[in-house]
Amino acid sequence: MKEIELSQYGNNIKIKAQILPDKKMRKLGFTDYSKDRWCFLKSINFSKEKRYKGFDISLYVVINKLDSTNLKIDIIDEDFGHPYDYQMMLKKNPKFEPCLIVKAQVEEWMKYLKDNSVLSGHEYGDYIWERNN
C-alpha cells in the first residue's frame, strides 16, 4: 500500500469536511452538544452475525465548527476504549469477517456523508485513518 499523508489526528488528509446549515447537520444525524463541534456517531450493527454479539464498535466523525479542516474520524472498540483499526487487520487477513462487517458499514456511512456534501475526498476502500497517531 502506498504511503498516505495524514492529518494531525491521523486521518487521510484527502478527506475534507464542509459544515452545512445547523438544521441540515442535525437532520443528517450530527449533534452539537459540545457547542464548538459537530459530532456524528454510528454504532456498527453486528445483529446479522449472532456469533459477534457483544462487539461494540462505533464510527465517530467530529468536525470543529470554527475550522472544518479540523476533522477527526475514528473507529473505536467501545469495550476497550481504543481504536479498532479494521483496515490494518484486513491488510493482514483480507477475509477476517468482523473487520469486513465494520468496513462495509463504515464505507456506507462515509458514502452517506459524502452524498450529503459533508465529506469529500474519500473513495471506497481508501485508508481513512492510522491508529498510531
C-alpha atoms as a PDB file:
ATOM      1  CA  MET A   1       0.000   0.000   0.000  1.00  0.00           C
ATOM      2  CA  LYS A   2       1.349   3.419  -0.881  1.00  0.00           C
ATOM      3  CA  GLU A   3       2.061   5.958   1.825  1.00  0.00           C
ATOM      4  CA  ILE A   4      -0.742   8.373   2.625  1.00  0.00           C
ATOM      5  CA  GLU A   5      -0.417  11.842   4.046  1.00  0.00           C
ATOM      6  CA  LEU A   6      -2.078  12.133   7.455  1.00  0.00           C
ATOM      7  CA  SER A   7      -3.693  14.993   9.350  1.00  0.00           C
ATOM      8  CA  GLN A   8      -2.817  15.888  12.926  1.00  0.00           C
ATOM      9  CA  TYR A   9      -5.370  13.269  14.031  1.00  0.00           C
ATOM     10  CA  GLY A  10      -4.022  10.513  11.796  1.00  0.00           C
ATOM     11  CA  ASN A  11      -6.809  10.849   9.223  1.00  0.00           C
ATOM     12  CA  ASN A  12      -6.193  10.625   5.492  1.00  0.00           C
ATOM     13  CA  ILE A  13      -5.571  14.253   4.570  1.00  0.00           C
ATOM     14  CA  LYS A  14      -7.579  13.847   1.334  1.00  0.00           C
ATOM     15  CA  ILE A  15     -10.777  13.665   3.387  1.00  0.00           C
ATOM     16  CA  LYS A  16     -12.273  17.139   3.834  1.00  0.00           C
ATOM     17  CA  ALA A  17     -15.334  18.352   5.730  1.00  0.00           C
ATOM     18  CA  GLN A  18     -17.870  21.023   4.938  1.00  0.00           C
ATOM     19  CA  ILE A  19     -20.244  22.378   7.540  1.00  0.00           C
ATOM     20  CA  LEU A  20     -23.805  22.762   6.324  1.00  0.00           C
ATOM     21  CA  PRO A  21     -26.533  24.878   7.966  1.00  0.00           C
ATOM     22  CA  ASP A  22     -27.353  23.747  11.513  1.00  0.00           C
ATOM     23  CA  LYS A  23     -30.768  22.346  10.594  1.00  0.00           C
ATOM     24  CA  LYS A  24     -29.275  20.215   7.798  1.00  0.00           C
ATOM     25  CA  MET A  25     -26.413  18.948  10.022  1.00  0.00           C
ATOM     26  CA  ARG A  26     -28.931  17.826  12.652  1.00  0.00           C
ATOM     27  CA  LYS A  27     -31.146  16.223  10.024  1.00  0.00           C
ATOM     28  CA  LEU A  28     -28.142  14.198   8.812  1.00  0.00           C
ATOM     29  CA  GLY A  29     -27.536  12.878  12.338  1.00  0.00           C
ATOM     30  CA  PHE A  30     -24.961  15.281  13.754  1.00  0.00           C
ATOM     31  CA  THR A  31     -25.239  16.648  17.274  1.00  0.00           C
ATOM     32  CA  ASP A  32     -23.599  19.707  18.770  1.00  0.00           C
ATOM     33  CA  TYR A  33     -23.951  19.131  22.487  1.00  0.00           C
ATOM     34  CA  SER A  34     -20.390  20.366  22.660  1.00  0.00           C
ATOM     35  CA  LYS A  35     -21.065  23.808  21.233  1.00  0.00           C
ATOM     36  CA  ASP A  36     -17.752  24.089  19.348  1.00  0.00           C
ATOM     37  CA  ARG A  37     -18.078  20.945  17.206  1.00  0.00           C
ATOM     38  CA  TRP A  38     -20.407  18.711  15.261  1.00  0.00           C
ATOM     39  CA  CYS A  39     -20.380  15.026  16.238  1.00  0.00           C
ATOM     40  CA  PHE A  40     -21.662  12.096  14.185  1.00  0.00           C
ATOM     41  CA  LEU A  41     -21.762   8.755  15.993  1.00  0.00           C
ATOM     42  CA  LYS A  42     -22.905   5.480  14.482  1.00  0.00           C
ATOM     43  CA  SER A  43     -22.677   2.031  16.027  1.00  0.00           C
ATOM     44  CA  ILE A  44     -21.681  -0.847  13.787  1.00  0.00           C
ATOM     45  CA  ASN A  45     -24.504  -3.367  13.599  1.00  0.00           C
ATOM     46  CA  PHE A  46     -23.487  -6.999  14.088  1.00  0.00           C
ATOM     47  CA  SER A  47     -27.061  -8.275  14.531  1.00  0.00           C
ATOM     48  CA  LYS A  48     -26.978 -10.490  11.430  1.00  0.00           C
ATOM     49  CA  GLU A  49     -23.992 -12.396  12.843  1.00  0.00           C
ATOM     50  CA  LYS A  50     -25.036 -13.779  16.240  1.00  0.00           C
ATOM     51  CA  ARG A  51     -21.510 -15.029  16.965  1.00  0.00           C
ATOM     52  CA  TYR A  52     -20.345 -11.399  17.150  1.00  0.00           C
ATOM     53  CA  LYS A  53     -22.952 -10.427  19.718  1.00  0.00           C
ATOM     54  CA  GLY A  54     -21.294  -8.115  22.181  1.00  0.00           C
ATOM     55  CA  PHE A  55     -18.920  -6.478  19.688  1.00  0.00           C
ATOM     56  CA  ASP A  56     -19.351  -2.762  20.290  1.00  0.00           C
ATOM     57  CA  ILE A  57     -17.610  -0.802  17.521  1.00  0.00           C
ATOM     58  CA  SER A  58     -18.512   2.807  16.660  1.00  0.00           C
ATOM     59  CA  LEU A  59     -17.724   5.309  13.949  1.00  0.00           C
ATOM     60  CA  TYR A  60     -17.104   8.871  15.173  1.00  0.00           C
ATOM     61  CA  VAL A  61     -16.837  11.890  12.891  1.00  0.00           C
ATOM     62  CA  VAL A  62     -16.053  15.153  14.683  1.00  0.00           C
ATOM     63  CA  ILE A  63     -15.882  18.490  12.861  1.00  0.00           C
ATOM     64  CA  ASN A  64     -14.766  21.694  14.562  1.00  0.00           C
ATOM     65  CA  LYS A  65     -17.432  24.373  13.948  1.00  0.00           C
ATOM     66  CA  LEU A  66     -14.921  27.203  13.565  1.00  0.00           C
ATOM     67  CA  ASP A  67     -12.428  25.296  11.444  1.00  0.00           C
ATOM     68  CA  SER A  68     -13.825  22.471   9.308  1.00  0.00           C
ATOM     69  CA  THR A  69     -10.259  21.476   8.385  1.00  0.00           C
ATOM     70  CA  ASN A  70     -10.064  20.305  11.994  1.00  0.00           C
ATOM     71  CA  LEU A  71     -11.715  16.942  11.196  1.00  0.00           C
ATOM     72  CA  LYS A  72     -11.349  13.765  13.212  1.00  0.00           C
ATOM     73  CA  ILE A  73     -12.635  10.347  12.135  1.00  0.00           C
ATOM     74  CA  ASP A  74     -12.252   7.378  14.475  1.00  0.00           C
ATOM     75  CA  ILE A  75     -13.463   3.805  14.593  1.00  0.00           C
ATOM     76  CA  ILE A  76     -13.484   2.815  18.260  1.00  0.00           C
ATOM     77  CA  ASP A  77     -13.779  -0.505  20.083  1.00  0.00           C
ATOM     78  CA  GLU A  78     -16.117   0.704  22.826  1.00  0.00           C
ATOM     79  CA  ASP A  79     -15.412  -2.269  25.100  1.00  0.00           C
ATOM     80  CA  PHE A  80     -11.749  -1.353  25.387  1.00  0.00           C
ATOM     81  CA  GLY A  81     -11.901   2.367  24.589  1.00  0.00           C
ATOM     82  CA  HIS A  82      -9.267   2.193  21.890  1.00  0.00           C
ATOM     83  CA  PRO A  83      -9.115   2.427  18.087  1.00  0.00           C
ATOM     84  CA  TYR A  84     -10.316  -0.533  16.062  1.00  0.00           C
ATOM     85  CA  ASP A  85      -8.029  -0.480  13.022  1.00  0.00           C
ATOM     86  CA  TYR A  86     -10.062  -2.774  10.811  1.00  0.00           C
ATOM     87  CA  GLN A  87      -8.135  -1.602   7.739  1.00  0.00           C
ATOM     88  CA  MET A  88      -4.784  -2.722   9.145  1.00  0.00           C
ATOM     89  CA  MET A  89      -6.318  -6.045  10.251  1.00  0.00           C
ATOM     90  CA  LEU A  90      -7.799  -6.622   6.785  1.00  0.00           C
ATOM     91  CA  LYS A  91      -4.409  -5.941   5.253  1.00  0.00           C
ATOM     92  CA  LYS A  92      -3.078  -8.870   7.318  1.00  0.00           C
ATOM     93  CA  ASN A  93      -6.145 -11.082   6.823  1.00  0.00           C
ATOM     94  CA  PRO A  94      -8.469  -9.927   3.985  1.00  0.00           C
ATOM     95  CA  LYS A  95     -11.151 -12.472   4.966  1.00  0.00           C
ATOM     96  CA  PHE A  96     -11.442 -11.593   8.676  1.00  0.00           C
ATOM     97  CA  GLU A  97     -15.220 -11.423   8.956  1.00  0.00           C
ATOM     98  CA  PRO A  98     -15.685  -8.947  11.838  1.00  0.00           C
ATOM     99  CA  CYS A  99     -13.488  -6.445  10.021  1.00  0.00           C
ATOM    100  CA  LEU A 100     -15.360  -6.995   6.761  1.00  0.00           C
ATOM    101  CA  ILE A 101     -18.607  -6.145   8.580  1.00  0.00           C
ATOM    102  CA  VAL A 102     -17.046  -2.991  10.034  1.00  0.00           C
ATOM    103  CA  LYS A 103     -15.585  -1.998   6.663  1.00  0.00           C
ATOM    104  CA  ALA A 104     -18.909  -2.389   4.857  1.00  0.00           C
ATOM    105  CA  GLN A 105     -20.779  -0.235   7.350  1.00  0.00           C
ATOM    106  CA  VAL A 106     -18.064   2.424   7.730  1.00  0.00           C
ATOM    107  CA  GLU A 107     -17.960   2.737   3.937  1.00  0.00           C
ATOM    108  CA  GLU A 108     -21.778   3.073   3.845  1.00  0.00           C
ATOM    109  CA  TRP A 109     -21.642   5.935   6.371  1.00  0.00           C
ATOM    110  CA  MET A 110     -18.741   7.608   4.573  1.00  0.00           C
ATOM    111  CA  LYS A 111     -20.761   7.429   1.337  1.00  0.00           C
ATOM    112  CA  TYR A 112     -23.814   8.847   3.146  1.00  0.00           C
ATOM    113  CA  LEU A 113     -21.778  11.802   4.414  1.00  0.00           C
ATOM    114  CA  LYS A 114     -20.175  12.286   1.001  1.00  0.00           C
ATOM    115  CA  ASP A 115     -23.528  12.067  -0.837  1.00  0.00           C
ATOM    116  CA  ASN A 116     -24.887  14.709   1.543  1.00  0.00           C
ATOM    117  CA  SER A 117     -21.919  17.049   0.938  1.00  0.00           C
ATOM    118  CA  VAL A 118     -20.463  16.896   4.460  1.00  0.00           C
ATOM    119  CA  LEU A 119     -17.348  14.929   3.470  1.00  0.00           C
ATOM    120  CA  SER A 120     -15.356  14.885   0.262  1.00  0.00           C
ATOM    121  CA  GLY A 121     -12.144  13.313  -0.952  1.00  0.00           C
ATOM    122  CA  HIS A 122     -12.857   9.778   0.253  1.00  0.00           C
ATOM    123  CA  GLU A 123     -13.194   6.966  -2.249  1.00  0.00           C
ATOM    124  CA  TYR A 124     -14.399   3.475  -1.354  1.00  0.00           C
ATOM    125  CA  GLY A 125     -11.578   1.486   0.200  1.00  0.00           C
ATOM    126  CA  ASP A 126      -9.265   4.466   0.792  1.00  0.00           C
ATOM    127  CA  TYR A 127      -7.371   4.347   4.033  1.00  0.00           C
ATOM    128  CA  ILE A 128      -9.336   6.546   6.468  1.00  0.00           C
ATOM    129  CA  TRP A 129      -7.024   6.784   9.472  1.00  0.00           C
ATOM    130  CA  GLU A 130      -3.968   5.302  11.076  1.00  0.00           C
ATOM    131  CA  ARG A 131      -4.196   4.391  14.729  1.00  0.00           C
ATOM    132  CA  ASN A 132      -0.625   5.259  15.637  1.00  0.00           C
ATOM    133  CA  ASN A 133      -1.315   8.991  15.577  1.00  0.00           C
END
